[in-house]
Amino acid sequence: MDGDAESWFATWVELARRLCDQAERSEAHGRQVTARDAYLRAAGYYATALVSIDATA
């Protein structure tokens, strides 16, 4: 639903989790820079998700 804070949160968290999975795979293959970049992007997506939760309080 448009404007639904819970859906917004869930979508950003799912994207962040996928990036964390990608980062772990990259790290396992010795691709440290790629892993770092994916972790940093995931952190940004988690932060974006938190903004929607703040809006519901």
N, C-alpha and C. Protein backbone atom coordinates (compact mmCIF):
# COMPACT_ATOMS: atom_id res chain seq x y z
N MET A 1 0.83 -1.18 0.00
CA MET A 1 0.00 0.00 0.00
C MET A 1 0.88 1.25 0.00
N ASP A 2 0.49 2.24 -0.75
CA ASP A 2 1.22 3.49 -0.75
C ASP A 2 1.06 4.17 0.60
N GLY A 3 2.16 4.72 1.10
CA GLY A 3 2.11 5.44 2.36
C GLY A 3 2.08 4.54 3.59
N ASP A 4 2.26 3.26 3.42
CA ASP A 4 2.23 2.30 4.52
C ASP A 4 3.64 2.15 5.09
N ALA A 5 3.85 2.67 6.30
CA ALA A 5 5.19 2.67 6.91
C ALA A 5 5.71 1.25 7.12
N GLU A 6 4.84 0.32 7.47
CA GLU A 6 5.29 -1.05 7.70
C GLU A 6 5.78 -1.71 6.41
N SER A 7 5.09 -1.48 5.31
CA SER A 7 5.53 -2.01 4.02
C SER A 7 6.85 -1.39 3.59
N TRP A 8 6.97 -0.09 3.82
CA TRP A 8 8.21 0.63 3.50
C TRP A 8 9.37 -0.01 4.28
N PHE A 9 9.16 -0.20 5.58
CA PHE A 9 10.17 -0.80 6.44
C PHE A 9 10.56 -2.19 5.94
N ALA A 10 9.56 -3.03 5.71
CA ALA A 10 9.82 -4.41 5.28
C ALA A 10 10.58 -4.47 3.96
N THR A 11 10.25 -3.60 3.04
CA THR A 11 10.91 -3.58 1.74
C THR A 11 12.38 -3.21 1.87
N TRP A 12 12.68 -2.16 2.64
CA TRP A 12 14.07 -1.74 2.82
C TRP A 12 14.87 -2.77 3.60
N VAL A 13 14.26 -3.39 4.60
CA VAL A 13 14.97 -4.42 5.37
C VAL A 13 15.28 -5.62 4.49
N GLU A 14 14.34 -6.03 3.67
CA GLU A 14 14.58 -7.16 2.77
C GLU A 14 15.73 -6.86 1.80
N LEU A 15 15.75 -5.67 1.27
CA LEU A 15 16.84 -5.28 0.37
C LEU A 15 18.18 -5.30 1.12
N ALA A 16 18.19 -4.79 2.34
CA ALA A 16 19.41 -4.78 3.14
C ALA A 16 19.87 -6.21 3.43
N ARG A 17 18.96 -7.09 3.74
CA ARG A 17 19.32 -8.49 4.02
C ARG A 17 19.92 -9.16 2.78
N ARG A 18 19.35 -8.89 1.63
CA ARG A 18 19.91 -9.46 0.40
C ARG A 18 21.33 -8.96 0.16
N LEU A 19 21.57 -7.68 0.45
CA LEU A 19 22.92 -7.14 0.30
C LEU A 19 23.88 -7.75 1.31
N CYS A 20 23.42 -8.00 2.52
CA CYS A 20 24.27 -8.67 3.51
C CYS A 20 24.64 -10.09 3.04
N ASP A 21 23.68 -10.79 2.46
CA ASP A 21 23.96 -12.12 1.91
C ASP A 21 25.00 -12.02 0.80
N GLN A 22 24.84 -11.04 -0.07
CA GLN A 22 25.80 -10.82 -1.15
C GLN A 22 27.19 -10.51 -0.57
N ALA A 23 27.22 -9.68 0.45
CA ALA A 23 28.49 -9.31 1.09
C ALA A 23 29.17 -10.55 1.68
N GLU A 24 28.40 -11.40 2.33
CA GLU A 24 28.96 -12.62 2.92
C GLU A 24 29.53 -13.54 1.84
N ARG A 25 28.84 -13.67 0.73
CA ARG A 25 29.35 -14.49 -0.37
C ARG A 25 30.64 -13.90 -0.93
N SER A 26 30.65 -12.59 -1.09
CA SER A 26 31.85 -11.92 -1.61
C SER A 26 33.02 -12.12 -0.65
N GLU A 27 32.75 -11.97 0.63
CA GLU A 27 33.80 -12.13 1.64
C GLU A 27 34.34 -13.56 1.62
N ALA A 28 33.45 -14.53 1.48
CA ALA A 28 33.87 -15.94 1.44
C ALA A 28 34.77 -16.24 0.26
N HIS A 29 34.62 -15.47 -0.81
CA HIS A 29 35.45 -15.65 -2.01
C HIS A 29 36.65 -14.71 -2.03
N GLY A 30 36.90 -14.05 -0.91
CA GLY A 30 38.08 -13.20 -0.81
C GLY A 30 37.94 -11.84 -1.46
N ARG A 31 36.75 -11.46 -1.84
CA ARG A 31 36.52 -10.15 -2.46
C ARG A 31 36.17 -9.13 -1.38
N GLN A 32 37.19 -8.67 -0.70
CA GLN A 32 37.02 -7.81 0.46
C GLN A 32 36.39 -6.46 0.12
N VAL A 33 36.82 -5.84 -0.96
CA VAL A 33 36.29 -4.52 -1.33
C VAL A 33 34.81 -4.63 -1.72
N THR A 34 34.49 -5.65 -2.49
CA THR A 34 33.10 -5.86 -2.88
C THR A 34 32.23 -6.12 -1.65
N ALA A 35 32.75 -6.93 -0.72
CA ALA A 35 32.01 -7.21 0.51
C ALA A 35 31.81 -5.94 1.31
N ARG A 36 32.86 -5.15 1.45
CA ARG A 36 32.75 -3.89 2.21
C ARG A 36 31.69 -2.99 1.61
N ASP A 37 31.73 -2.83 0.30
CA ASP A 37 30.75 -1.96 -0.36
C ASP A 37 29.32 -2.45 -0.15
N ALA A 38 29.11 -3.75 -0.21
CA ALA A 38 27.77 -4.30 0.00
C ALA A 38 27.31 -4.09 1.44
N TYR A 39 28.21 -4.29 2.40
CA TYR A 39 27.85 -4.04 3.80
C TYR A 39 27.49 -2.57 4.02
N LEU A 40 28.25 -1.68 3.42
CA LEU A 40 27.96 -0.25 3.59
C LEU A 40 26.62 0.13 2.97
N ARG A 41 26.33 -0.42 1.80
CA ARG A 41 25.02 -0.16 1.18
C ARG A 41 23.91 -0.72 2.04
N ALA A 42 24.10 -1.92 2.58
CA ALA A 42 23.09 -2.53 3.45
C ALA A 42 22.84 -1.66 4.68
N ALA A 43 23.90 -1.13 5.26
CA ALA A 43 23.74 -0.26 6.43
C ALA A 43 22.89 0.96 6.09
N GLY A 44 23.11 1.52 4.92
CA GLY A 44 22.30 2.66 4.48
C GLY A 44 20.84 2.28 4.31
N TYR A 45 20.59 1.08 3.79
CA TYR A 45 19.22 0.64 3.60
C TYR A 45 18.53 0.36 4.94
N TYR A 46 19.29 -0.20 5.90
CA TYR A 46 18.72 -0.37 7.24
C TYR A 46 18.38 0.99 7.85
N ALA A 47 19.23 1.97 7.65
CA ALA A 47 18.97 3.32 8.18
C ALA A 47 17.71 3.91 7.54
N THR A 48 17.55 3.71 6.25
CA THR A 48 16.36 4.20 5.56
C THR A 48 15.11 3.53 6.12
N ALA A 49 15.20 2.24 6.42
CA ALA A 49 14.06 1.52 7.00
C ALA A 49 13.68 2.12 8.35
N LEU A 50 14.68 2.49 9.14
CA LEU A 50 14.40 3.03 10.47
C LEU A 50 13.67 4.36 10.42
N VAL A 51 13.89 5.13 9.37
CA VAL A 51 13.18 6.40 9.22
C VAL A 51 11.68 6.18 9.18
N SER A 52 11.25 5.12 8.51
CA SER A 52 9.82 4.85 8.41
C SER A 52 9.23 4.46 9.75
N ILE A 53 10.00 3.78 10.59
CA ILE A 53 9.51 3.40 11.91
C ILE A 53 9.38 4.64 12.79
N ASP A 54 10.34 5.55 12.69
CA ASP A 54 10.25 6.80 13.45
C ASP A 54 8.99 7.58 13.08
N ALA A 55 8.58 7.47 11.83
CA ALA A 55 7.41 8.22 11.37
C ALA A 55 6.10 7.66 11.95
N THR A 56 6.13 6.44 12.45
CA THR A 56 4.90 5.83 12.97
C THR A 56 4.68 6.12 14.45
N ALA A 57 5.69 6.66 15.11
CA ALA A 57 5.59 6.90 16.56
C ALA A 57 4.74 8.11 16.86
